[in-house]
Amino acid sequence: MSRPTDPAPPRPTPVSTGPCVRCRRATTRYGAGASPLCPVCQQARAERLARP
């Protein structure tokens, strides 16, 4: 007689927030609108890139 197989254990989901890679402030790291940079660092980066 065959035994029913156990379903695979659920995979852990990543936490949606984490530290900014630049300043370590909490920011949304996963999902819609996610970025490794916090909004303050994103703005600073945009300003730096916009300079001639």
N, C-alpha and C. Protein backbone atom coordinates (compact mmCIF):
# COMPACT_ATOMS: atom_id res chain seq x y z
N MET A 1 0.82 -1.18 0.00
CA MET A 1 0.00 0.00 0.00
C MET A 1 0.88 1.26 0.00
N SER A 2 0.51 2.24 -0.77
CA SER A 2 1.32 3.45 -0.81
C SER A 2 0.80 4.48 0.19
N ARG A 3 1.72 5.25 0.70
CA ARG A 3 1.36 6.31 1.64
C ARG A 3 1.20 7.62 0.90
N PRO A 4 0.27 8.43 1.31
CA PRO A 4 0.16 9.76 0.68
C PRO A 4 1.40 10.58 1.02
N THR A 5 1.87 11.33 0.07
CA THR A 5 3.05 12.15 0.31
C THR A 5 2.66 13.42 1.06
N ASP A 6 3.54 13.83 1.91
CA ASP A 6 3.30 15.07 2.65
C ASP A 6 3.52 16.25 1.71
N PRO A 7 2.68 17.27 1.83
CA PRO A 7 2.92 18.45 0.99
C PRO A 7 4.21 19.14 1.42
N ALA A 8 4.81 19.82 0.50
CA ALA A 8 6.05 20.53 0.81
C ALA A 8 5.78 21.59 1.88
N PRO A 9 6.70 21.79 2.78
CA PRO A 9 6.50 22.82 3.79
C PRO A 9 6.43 24.20 3.13
N PRO A 10 5.65 25.10 3.68
CA PRO A 10 5.55 26.43 3.07
C PRO A 10 6.91 27.14 3.09
N ARG A 11 7.18 27.82 2.00
CA ARG A 11 8.45 28.55 1.92
C ARG A 11 8.33 29.84 2.71
N PRO A 12 9.38 30.22 3.42
CA PRO A 12 9.31 31.48 4.15
C PRO A 12 9.27 32.65 3.17
N THR A 13 8.48 33.64 3.47
CA THR A 13 8.41 34.82 2.62
C THR A 13 9.36 35.88 3.16
N PRO A 14 9.99 36.64 2.30
CA PRO A 14 10.91 37.67 2.79
C PRO A 14 10.14 38.78 3.50
N VAL A 15 10.77 39.35 4.47
CA VAL A 15 10.19 40.48 5.16
C VAL A 15 10.18 41.64 4.18
N SER A 16 9.09 42.39 4.12
CA SER A 16 8.98 43.43 3.12
C SER A 16 9.80 44.67 3.46
N THR A 17 10.18 44.82 4.70
CA THR A 17 11.00 45.98 5.05
C THR A 17 12.37 45.52 5.49
N GLY A 18 13.31 46.42 5.35
CA GLY A 18 14.67 46.14 5.76
C GLY A 18 15.46 47.43 5.77
N PRO A 19 16.74 47.37 6.10
CA PRO A 19 17.54 48.58 6.16
C PRO A 19 17.94 49.09 4.77
N CYS A 20 18.03 50.40 4.65
CA CYS A 20 18.55 51.04 3.44
C CYS A 20 20.02 50.63 3.31
N VAL A 21 20.47 50.35 2.11
CA VAL A 21 21.84 49.91 1.92
C VAL A 21 22.85 51.04 2.13
N ARG A 22 22.38 52.27 2.11
CA ARG A 22 23.30 53.40 2.27
C ARG A 22 23.32 53.93 3.71
N CYS A 23 22.14 54.20 4.28
CA CYS A 23 22.10 54.86 5.60
C CYS A 23 21.51 53.98 6.70
N ARG A 24 20.99 52.82 6.35
CA ARG A 24 20.45 51.85 7.29
C ARG A 24 19.07 52.22 7.87
N ARG A 25 18.39 53.25 7.32
CA ARG A 25 17.01 53.55 7.73
C ARG A 25 16.11 52.43 7.23
N ALA A 26 14.97 52.22 7.90
CA ALA A 26 14.02 51.21 7.46
C ALA A 26 13.38 51.65 6.16
N THR A 27 13.26 50.73 5.20
CA THR A 27 12.66 51.02 3.91
C THR A 27 12.00 49.76 3.37
N THR A 28 11.13 49.89 2.38
CA THR A 28 10.49 48.75 1.75
C THR A 28 11.48 48.11 0.78
N ARG A 29 11.85 46.88 1.05
CA ARG A 29 12.86 46.20 0.24
C ARG A 29 12.28 45.25 -0.79
N TYR A 30 11.06 44.75 -0.56
CA TYR A 30 10.46 43.76 -1.46
C TYR A 30 9.04 44.18 -1.82
N GLY A 31 8.58 43.77 -2.98
CA GLY A 31 7.21 44.04 -3.40
C GLY A 31 7.10 45.28 -4.26
N ALA A 32 5.87 45.74 -4.45
CA ALA A 32 5.62 46.89 -5.31
C ALA A 32 6.26 48.15 -4.72
N GLY A 33 6.95 48.89 -5.55
CA GLY A 33 7.58 50.13 -5.11
C GLY A 33 8.81 49.92 -4.25
N ALA A 34 9.35 48.75 -4.26
CA ALA A 34 10.49 48.44 -3.40
C ALA A 34 11.79 48.99 -3.97
N SER A 35 12.71 49.30 -3.08
CA SER A 35 14.01 49.79 -3.47
C SER A 35 15.00 49.49 -2.35
N PRO A 36 16.26 49.23 -2.68
CA PRO A 36 17.25 49.03 -1.62
C PRO A 36 17.62 50.34 -0.92
N LEU A 37 17.19 51.48 -1.51
CA LEU A 37 17.46 52.79 -0.91
C LEU A 37 16.19 53.37 -0.30
N CYS A 38 16.32 54.08 0.82
CA CYS A 38 15.17 54.76 1.42
C CYS A 38 14.85 56.00 0.57
N PRO A 39 13.69 56.61 0.77
CA PRO A 39 13.32 57.79 -0.03
C PRO A 39 14.33 58.94 0.08
N VAL A 40 14.91 59.14 1.24
CA VAL A 40 15.90 60.22 1.41
C VAL A 40 17.13 59.94 0.55
N CYS A 41 17.62 58.72 0.58
CA CYS A 41 18.80 58.36 -0.22
C CYS A 41 18.47 58.32 -1.71
N GLN A 42 17.23 57.93 -2.07
CA GLN A 42 16.83 57.96 -3.48
C GLN A 42 16.88 59.39 -4.01
N GLN A 43 16.38 60.35 -3.21
CA GLN A 43 16.39 61.74 -3.62
C GLN A 43 17.82 62.26 -3.75
N ALA A 44 18.67 61.93 -2.80
CA ALA A 44 20.07 62.37 -2.86
C ALA A 44 20.75 61.79 -4.10
N ARG A 45 20.46 60.55 -4.42
CA ARG A 45 21.06 59.92 -5.61
C ARG A 45 20.56 60.59 -6.88
N ALA A 46 19.25 60.88 -6.94
CA ALA A 46 18.69 61.54 -8.12
C ALA A 46 19.31 62.92 -8.32
N GLU A 47 19.49 63.66 -7.24
CA GLU A 47 20.12 64.98 -7.33
C GLU A 47 21.57 64.87 -7.79
N ARG A 48 22.27 63.88 -7.27
CA ARG A 48 23.68 63.70 -7.65
C ARG A 48 23.80 63.33 -9.13
N LEU A 49 22.88 62.48 -9.62
CA LEU A 49 22.92 62.07 -11.02
C LEU A 49 22.48 63.19 -11.98
N ALA A 50 21.67 64.13 -11.47
CA ALA A 50 21.17 65.21 -12.31
C ALA A 50 22.20 66.32 -12.50
N ARG A 51 23.24 66.33 -11.72
CA ARG A 51 24.27 67.36 -11.85
C ARG A 51 25.04 67.17 -13.16
N PRO A 52 25.36 68.29 -13.81
CA PRO A 52 26.10 68.17 -15.08
C PRO A 52 27.55 67.77 -14.87
